[in-house]
Amino acid sequence: MEKRMIESTLHDYFSARQDEMLAVLEELVLHESPSDDKVLLDLLARRLQQRFAALGVETELLPQETAGDHLRVYQPAPAPGRPPALLLCHYDTVWPAGTLQERPFRIEGGRAWGPGVYDMKAGILLAEFALRAVRDLDLTLPRPVVVLLNSDEEVGSATSRSWIEEQARLAEYVLVLESALPGNVLKTARKGVGHFQIEIEGRAAHSGGEPEKGRSAIQELALQILHLHGLSDLEQGTTVNVGVVRGGTRSNVVAAQAQAEVDVRAWTREEAQRIEAVVRGLQPRTPDVELKVRGGFERWPMERSPAVAELFARVQEIGRALGLDLSEGSSGGGSDGNFCAALGVPTLDGLGVPGDGAHAEHEHILLDALPDRAALLAAALLRL
């Protein structure tokens, strides 16, 4: 089948099934899956396993003790020995159980609304229907496809990172079905993400009777906060943000303890390593005060390497055959794609359904984009 004919056939296939796709999307959104609720997560993992298994592909649950179980899907291909394509999805959301009572799934104004619909249950939908189209249309994949669905992306992917990296090392390329940027913009770069905890130990004293005997941990923390925020370089894209502070017991006691949680972002691994060394090397500015720093970069930056640029160019060409004018952009947030790109594996992010409102009450996707994005993903799996 000629190239443009395949793309046209795929678009017609998904356009004819848009109502069915929306019904599946509603099912996924109605099954709430907060990152910290293992019972709900495991129930959804098993439902997703059933849905993918119904396509005739191999499925494997990856049991976890503290997080929800992860799911690996494997679609074989006739060509033996070729590295697989890896699709990354996460099925956890930032929304607590019960959010649907306040913001139920609804279709209105050419959009589908609901908690988790954009980030990223619509991406899971694309993965399932892309494989379904390959089966229904009797199309031949040039290489196997692995879909990895994890349960803890929103909280740092602590239990799934090793699985993701293991699968990425075996893959030819990685497509991340995270939410898309507005205007058909795919993500070829993401900032690296670091989290640090600062603990300060001072000395308690009566603030009125014997203040000179105290060493205020809060005062020391205030000095450190000013220093940390001064490390931000907006022109270079480096940000250091002290987002949470705690300390003290009573207003008439010189504070003996204080803590802070710090978020750090950077565009390049070199800059991330530099700023990490600076934060880890913080020294007390107050005599007789102890300062400890824990943490580090959880996700190295997803940098726009030549391999990433080439992968984008190939997907952009596929998009043209579908009538899509794709461009590239970047995001200050991290994703599981950061892990893969850091290994040197060509990684392209933002192949989910366009919309808006990740982690926000106005979260939604654009209905008209569903068949376009499903066709783009399926065509990419057939062309790359």
Protein backbone atom coordinates (compact mmCIF):
# COMPACT_ATOMS: atom_id res chain seq x y z
CA MET A 1 0.00 0.00 0.00
CA GLU A 2 1.40 3.41 -0.96
CA LYS A 3 2.47 5.79 1.78
CA ARG A 4 -0.24 8.40 1.44
CA MET A 5 -2.83 5.68 0.98
CA ILE A 6 -1.90 4.16 4.33
CA GLU A 7 -2.14 7.51 6.08
CA SER A 8 -5.51 8.22 4.46
CA THR A 9 -6.79 4.75 5.39
CA LEU A 10 -5.68 5.22 8.99
CA HIS A 11 -7.35 8.61 9.28
CA ASP A 12 -10.61 7.23 7.88
CA TYR A 13 -10.37 4.28 10.28
CA PHE A 14 -10.06 6.48 13.36
CA SER A 15 -12.59 9.06 12.20
CA ALA A 16 -15.18 6.30 11.86
CA ARG A 17 -14.42 5.14 15.42
CA GLN A 18 -14.33 8.45 17.24
CA ASP A 19 -17.47 7.68 19.27
CA GLU A 20 -16.02 4.32 20.28
CA MET A 21 -12.75 5.98 21.26
CA LEU A 22 -14.62 8.51 23.40
CA ALA A 23 -16.50 5.71 25.16
CA VAL A 24 -13.21 4.03 26.05
CA LEU A 25 -11.76 7.36 27.17
CA GLU A 26 -14.74 7.90 29.44
CA GLU A 27 -14.18 4.47 30.99
CA LEU A 28 -10.54 5.31 31.69
CA VAL A 29 -11.34 8.69 33.23
CA LEU A 30 -14.17 7.28 35.35
CA HIS A 31 -11.70 4.84 36.87
CA GLU A 32 -9.89 7.22 39.21
CA SER A 33 -6.21 6.42 39.72
CA PRO A 34 -4.40 8.72 42.16
CA SER A 35 -0.70 7.93 42.50
CA ASP A 36 -1.01 7.09 46.20
CA ASP A 37 -3.95 4.65 46.03
CA LYS A 38 -2.59 1.18 45.24
CA VAL A 39 -6.01 -0.47 45.31
CA LEU A 40 -7.45 1.81 42.63
CA LEU A 41 -4.23 1.71 40.62
CA ASP A 42 -4.08 -2.09 40.59
CA LEU A 43 -7.71 -2.34 39.52
CA LEU A 44 -7.03 -0.06 36.56
CA ALA A 45 -3.82 -1.92 35.68
CA ARG A 46 -5.81 -5.14 35.42
CA ARG A 47 -8.51 -3.48 33.35
CA LEU A 48 -5.88 -2.11 30.98
CA GLN A 49 -4.34 -5.55 30.76
CA GLN A 50 -7.71 -6.97 29.74
CA ARG A 51 -8.19 -4.31 27.08
CA PHE A 52 -4.76 -4.83 25.50
CA ALA A 53 -4.95 -8.62 25.78
CA ALA A 54 -8.20 -8.50 23.79
CA LEU A 55 -6.09 -7.27 20.85
CA GLY A 56 -4.16 -10.53 20.83
CA VAL A 57 -0.92 -8.97 22.11
CA GLU A 58 1.23 -10.19 24.99
CA THR A 59 0.73 -8.54 28.37
CA GLU A 60 2.67 -8.75 31.62
CA LEU A 61 1.91 -7.18 34.99
CA LEU A 62 4.95 -5.99 36.92
CA PRO A 63 3.91 -6.29 40.60
CA GLN A 64 4.92 -3.58 43.08
CA GLU A 65 4.74 -3.60 46.86
CA THR A 66 4.14 0.08 47.50
CA ALA A 67 3.11 1.53 44.13
CA GLY A 68 0.49 0.36 41.69
CA ASP A 69 1.48 -2.55 39.47
CA HIS A 70 3.03 -1.57 36.13
CA LEU A 71 1.94 -3.09 32.82
CA ARG A 72 4.09 -4.14 29.86
CA VAL A 73 2.47 -4.79 26.49
CA TYR A 74 4.33 -6.51 23.65
CA GLN A 75 3.23 -6.54 20.03
CA PRO A 76 5.50 -8.83 17.96
CA ALA A 77 6.41 -8.12 14.35
CA PRO A 78 7.27 -10.41 11.41
CA ALA A 79 10.81 -9.02 11.08
CA PRO A 80 12.99 -10.96 13.56
CA GLY A 81 15.77 -9.35 15.55
CA ARG A 82 14.87 -5.70 15.00
CA PRO A 83 14.89 -3.45 18.10
CA PRO A 84 11.37 -2.56 19.20
CA ALA A 85 9.63 0.78 19.33
CA LEU A 86 8.84 1.81 22.91
CA LEU A 87 5.68 3.73 23.80
CA LEU A 88 5.57 5.29 27.27
CA CYS A 89 2.34 5.95 29.15
CA HIS A 90 1.46 6.49 32.78
CA TYR A 91 -1.96 5.75 34.18
CA ASP A 92 -1.70 7.53 37.53
CA THR A 93 -3.06 11.06 37.96
CA VAL A 94 -2.58 13.89 40.43
CA TRP A 95 -6.28 13.88 41.35
CA PRO A 96 -7.49 12.30 44.63
CA ALA A 97 -10.31 9.78 44.67
CA GLY A 98 -13.65 11.57 44.69
CA THR A 99 -12.63 14.35 42.29
CA LEU A 100 -15.14 13.01 39.74
CA GLN A 101 -17.98 13.99 42.07
CA GLU A 102 -16.94 17.61 41.68
CA ARG A 103 -15.78 17.46 38.03
CA PRO A 104 -17.42 14.56 36.19
CA PHE A 105 -16.39 13.47 32.72
CA ARG A 106 -18.31 15.44 30.12
CA ILE A 107 -18.25 16.32 26.43
CA GLU A 108 -18.98 19.94 25.75
CA GLY A 109 -17.90 22.61 23.28
CA GLY A 110 -15.86 20.25 21.12
CA ARG A 111 -13.86 19.10 24.15
CA ALA A 112 -13.77 16.16 26.53
CA TRP A 113 -13.36 17.27 30.15
CA GLY A 114 -12.40 15.40 33.29
CA PRO A 115 -9.59 14.68 35.76
CA GLY A 116 -6.73 12.90 34.02
CA VAL A 117 -8.25 13.09 30.53
CA TYR A 118 -5.36 15.19 29.17
CA ASP A 119 -2.61 13.93 31.45
CA MET A 120 -2.62 11.28 30.22
CA LYS A 121 -5.46 8.85 29.77
CA ALA A 122 -6.02 10.08 26.23
CA GLY A 123 -2.45 8.96 25.49
CA ILE A 124 -3.26 5.45 26.72
CA LEU A 125 -6.27 5.48 24.40
CA LEU A 126 -4.02 6.31 21.43
CA ALA A 127 -1.69 3.39 22.20
CA GLU A 128 -4.55 0.89 22.36
CA PHE A 129 -6.27 2.08 19.20
CA ALA A 130 -3.04 2.34 17.21
CA LEU A 131 -2.40 -1.36 17.86
CA ARG A 132 -6.03 -2.11 17.15
CA ALA A 133 -5.78 -0.43 13.75
CA VAL A 134 -2.70 -2.50 12.87
CA ARG A 135 -4.70 -5.63 13.65
CA ASP A 136 -7.98 -4.62 12.02
CA LEU A 137 -6.37 -3.33 8.82
CA ASP A 138 -3.97 -6.28 8.62
CA LEU A 139 -0.96 -3.97 8.46
CA THR A 140 2.63 -5.15 8.91
CA LEU A 141 4.81 -3.52 11.56
CA PRO A 142 8.50 -3.10 10.67
CA ARG A 143 9.54 -3.84 14.26
CA PRO A 144 7.94 -5.01 17.52
CA VAL A 145 6.17 -2.51 19.74
CA VAL A 146 6.44 -2.35 23.52
CA VAL A 147 3.97 -0.25 25.51
CA LEU A 148 4.96 0.43 29.10
CA LEU A 149 2.25 1.81 31.39
CA ASN A 150 3.47 2.84 34.83
CA SER A 151 1.66 3.88 37.98
CA ASP A 152 3.97 6.45 39.58
CA GLU A 153 5.05 9.03 36.99
CA GLU A 154 3.33 11.87 38.80
CA VAL A 155 5.37 11.17 41.95
CA GLY A 156 8.79 10.68 40.37
CA SER A 157 8.63 7.15 38.86
CA ALA A 158 10.66 5.71 41.73
CA THR A 159 9.48 2.11 41.21
CA SER A 160 9.18 2.22 37.42
CA ARG A 161 12.40 3.98 36.44
CA SER A 162 14.47 0.79 36.26
CA TRP A 163 11.81 -0.88 34.08
CA ILE A 164 11.65 2.12 31.77
CA GLU A 165 15.42 2.30 31.40
CA GLU A 166 15.67 -1.44 30.80
CA GLN A 167 13.13 -1.30 27.99
CA ALA A 168 14.63 1.90 26.56
CA ARG A 169 18.08 0.31 26.25
CA LEU A 170 16.54 -2.34 24.00
CA ALA A 171 14.53 0.09 21.87
CA GLU A 172 15.23 1.72 18.51
CA TYR A 173 13.35 4.83 19.58
CA VAL A 174 10.91 6.02 22.25
CA LEU A 175 7.61 7.86 21.76
CA VAL A 176 6.11 9.43 24.89
CA LEU A 177 2.33 9.78 24.78
CA GLU A 178 2.26 12.65 27.25
CA SER A 179 -0.03 15.61 26.65
CA ALA A 180 0.82 17.66 23.58
CA LEU A 181 1.80 21.29 23.44
CA PRO A 182 -0.77 23.62 21.81
CA GLY A 183 -0.71 23.96 18.04
CA ASN A 184 0.60 20.53 17.00
CA VAL A 185 3.91 21.09 18.77
CA LEU A 186 5.89 17.99 19.76
CA LYS A 187 8.47 18.09 22.54
CA THR A 188 12.10 17.61 21.58
CA ALA A 189 13.47 18.92 24.89
CA ARG A 190 12.47 18.92 28.54
CA LYS A 191 14.16 20.38 31.55
CA GLY A 192 15.82 18.12 34.08
CA VAL A 193 14.17 18.05 37.50
CA GLY A 194 15.93 18.04 40.86
CA HIS A 195 14.45 17.89 44.35
CA PHE A 196 16.44 18.73 47.46
CA GLN A 197 15.68 18.79 51.18
CA ILE A 198 17.56 21.15 53.48
CA GLU A 199 17.64 20.46 57.22
CA ILE A 200 19.05 22.99 59.68
CA GLU A 201 19.82 22.30 63.31
CA GLY A 202 20.22 25.33 65.56
CA ARG A 203 19.90 25.82 69.31
CA ALA A 204 16.73 26.62 71.24
CA ALA A 205 16.56 29.45 73.76
CA HIS A 206 14.01 31.82 75.31
CA SER A 207 13.53 34.58 72.76
CA GLY A 208 13.06 37.23 75.44
CA GLY A 209 15.12 36.08 78.39
CA GLU A 210 18.23 34.57 76.78
CA PRO A 211 18.14 35.12 73.00
CA GLU A 212 21.94 35.31 72.86
CA LYS A 213 22.15 31.64 73.88
CA GLY A 214 20.09 30.56 70.89
CA ARG A 215 21.00 29.85 67.29
CA SER A 216 17.99 30.35 65.06
CA ALA A 217 17.55 27.65 62.45
CA ILE A 218 14.87 29.80 60.83
CA GLN A 219 17.24 32.75 60.46
CA GLU A 220 19.82 30.46 58.89
CA LEU A 221 17.22 29.04 56.55
CA ALA A 222 16.16 32.55 55.53
CA LEU A 223 19.74 33.35 54.56
CA GLN A 224 19.98 30.12 52.57
CA ILE A 225 16.68 30.81 50.79
CA LEU A 226 17.93 34.19 49.58
CA HIS A 227 21.12 32.53 48.35
CA LEU A 228 19.27 29.69 46.62
CA HIS A 229 16.85 31.95 44.79
CA GLY A 230 19.80 34.01 43.65
CA LEU A 231 21.10 30.94 41.79
CA SER A 232 18.25 31.13 39.28
CA ASP A 233 19.24 32.25 35.80
CA LEU A 234 16.11 32.85 33.74
CA GLU A 235 18.04 33.62 30.56
CA GLN A 236 19.72 30.23 30.76
CA GLY A 237 16.54 28.55 31.95
CA THR A 238 17.88 27.49 35.34
CA THR A 239 15.37 27.88 38.16
CA VAL A 240 15.79 27.26 41.88
CA ASN A 241 12.60 27.48 43.93
CA VAL A 242 12.19 26.97 47.67
CA GLY A 243 8.58 25.87 47.67
CA VAL A 244 8.03 24.48 51.18
CA VAL A 245 9.44 25.67 54.52
CA ARG A 246 8.92 24.45 58.07
CA GLY A 247 10.47 25.40 61.35
CA GLY A 248 10.19 26.40 64.97
CA THR A 249 7.78 25.50 67.73
CA ARG A 250 6.58 28.75 69.35
CA SER A 251 7.04 32.44 68.68
CA ASN A 252 8.84 32.93 72.03
CA VAL A 253 11.40 30.18 71.32
CA VAL A 254 14.49 30.63 69.19
CA ALA A 255 13.91 27.97 66.54
CA ALA A 256 16.13 24.90 66.89
CA GLN A 257 15.01 23.23 63.66
CA ALA A 258 14.01 24.34 60.16
CA GLN A 259 13.53 22.51 56.88
CA ALA A 260 12.98 23.44 53.26
CA GLU A 261 12.05 21.61 50.06
CA VAL A 262 13.71 22.92 46.91
CA ASP A 263 12.83 22.39 43.24
CA VAL A 264 15.61 22.87 40.66
CA ARG A 265 15.26 22.82 36.84
CA ALA A 266 17.85 23.04 34.06
CA TRP A 267 18.00 22.54 30.29
CA THR A 268 21.30 20.68 30.02
CA ARG A 269 22.96 17.92 31.98
CA GLU A 270 26.09 20.04 32.37
CA GLU A 271 24.10 22.84 33.99
CA ALA A 272 22.12 20.37 36.10
CA GLN A 273 25.31 18.85 37.46
CA ARG A 274 26.76 22.29 38.15
CA ILE A 275 23.74 23.53 40.08
CA GLU A 276 23.43 20.20 41.93
CA ALA A 277 27.02 20.56 43.16
CA VAL A 278 26.30 24.11 44.34
CA VAL A 279 23.20 23.08 46.30
CA ARG A 280 24.90 20.04 47.80
CA GLY A 281 27.84 22.23 48.80
CA LEU A 282 25.82 24.75 50.85
CA GLN A 283 27.57 25.81 54.07
CA PRO A 284 26.05 27.39 57.20
CA ARG A 285 26.24 31.18 57.43
CA THR A 286 25.54 31.23 61.15
CA PRO A 287 28.10 30.03 63.73
CA ASP A 288 27.28 26.81 65.63
CA VAL A 289 24.53 25.79 63.22
CA GLU A 290 24.46 22.44 61.37
CA LEU A 291 23.17 22.20 57.79
CA LYS A 292 22.41 19.02 55.84
CA VAL A 293 21.34 18.65 52.20
CA ARG A 294 19.67 15.55 50.78
CA GLY A 295 18.34 14.78 47.31
CA GLY A 296 19.47 15.52 43.80
CA PHE A 297 18.33 15.43 40.18
CA GLU A 298 15.66 12.74 39.73
CA ARG A 299 15.45 13.27 35.98
CA TRP A 300 18.33 14.49 33.85
CA PRO A 301 17.31 16.89 31.07
CA MET A 302 15.90 15.55 27.83
CA GLU A 303 18.24 17.39 25.48
CA ARG A 304 17.62 18.01 21.79
CA SER A 305 20.36 15.79 20.43
CA PRO A 306 20.93 15.16 16.70
CA ALA A 307 19.18 11.78 17.14
CA VAL A 308 16.14 13.47 18.68
CA ALA A 309 16.08 16.07 15.91
CA GLU A 310 16.21 13.35 13.26
CA LEU A 311 13.38 11.42 14.91
CA PHE A 312 11.25 14.56 15.01
CA ALA A 313 11.99 15.29 11.32
CA ARG A 314 10.79 11.83 10.34
CA VAL A 315 7.59 12.14 12.38
CA GLN A 316 7.07 15.62 10.96
CA GLU A 317 7.18 14.15 7.45
CA ILE A 318 4.64 11.50 8.47
CA GLY A 319 2.45 14.28 9.80
CA ARG A 320 2.57 16.11 6.48
CA ALA A 321 1.12 13.06 4.76
CA LEU A 322 -1.80 13.34 7.21
CA GLY A 323 -2.22 17.06 6.59
CA LEU A 324 -0.68 17.97 9.96
CA ASP A 325 1.75 20.86 10.27
CA LEU A 326 3.90 19.64 13.17
CA SER A 327 6.53 21.77 14.82
CA GLU A 328 8.81 21.24 17.79
CA GLY A 329 9.03 22.85 21.20
CA SER A 330 10.16 22.28 24.75
CA SER A 331 8.73 21.98 28.24
CA GLY A 332 9.96 23.05 31.64
CA GLY A 333 8.45 19.94 33.17
CA GLY A 334 10.00 16.49 33.14
CA SER A 335 8.55 13.15 32.05
CA ASP A 336 9.63 9.54 31.84
CA GLY A 337 11.08 10.43 28.45
CA ASN A 338 13.91 12.17 30.31
CA PHE A 339 15.16 8.78 31.52
CA CYS A 340 15.31 7.41 27.98
CA ALA A 341 16.91 10.46 26.40
CA ALA A 342 19.58 10.47 29.12
CA LEU A 343 20.59 6.98 27.92
CA GLY A 344 21.12 8.30 24.41
CA VAL A 345 18.00 6.67 22.98
CA PRO A 346 16.15 8.87 20.41
CA THR A 347 13.08 10.11 22.28
CA LEU A 348 10.15 12.22 21.13
CA ASP A 349 7.58 13.52 23.60
CA GLY A 350 4.17 15.15 23.46
CA LEU A 351 2.47 12.70 21.09
CA GLY A 352 -0.68 12.73 23.19
CA VAL A 353 -3.93 14.48 22.28
CA PRO A 354 -3.86 18.30 22.20
CA GLY A 355 -5.80 20.12 24.86
CA ASP A 356 -4.99 22.08 27.99
CA GLY A 357 -5.10 22.07 31.78
CA ALA A 358 -2.67 19.42 32.97
CA HIS A 359 -3.01 19.29 36.79
CA ALA A 360 -5.68 22.00 36.60
CA GLU A 361 -9.45 22.10 36.96
CA HIS A 362 -9.98 23.05 33.31
CA GLU A 363 -8.23 19.87 32.05
CA HIS A 364 -9.57 18.82 28.65
CA ILE A 365 -8.69 17.48 25.21
CA LEU A 366 -9.81 18.64 21.75
CA LEU A 367 -12.16 16.10 20.15
CA ASP A 368 -11.22 16.99 16.56
CA ALA A 369 -7.61 16.06 17.30
CA LEU A 370 -8.38 12.46 18.33
CA PRO A 371 -8.37 10.84 14.85
CA ASP A 372 -5.41 12.99 13.76
CA ARG A 373 -3.23 11.96 16.69
CA ALA A 374 -4.26 8.32 16.54
CA ALA A 375 -3.41 8.21 12.83
CA LEU A 376 -0.08 9.95 13.46
CA LEU A 377 0.92 7.38 16.10
CA ALA A 378 -0.16 4.39 14.03
CA ALA A 379 1.60 5.73 10.93
CA ALA A 380 4.76 6.38 12.94
CA LEU A 381 4.80 2.78 14.17
CA LEU A 382 4.46 1.62 10.56
CA ARG A 383 7.07 4.02 9.10
CA LEU A 384 9.83 4.28 11.67
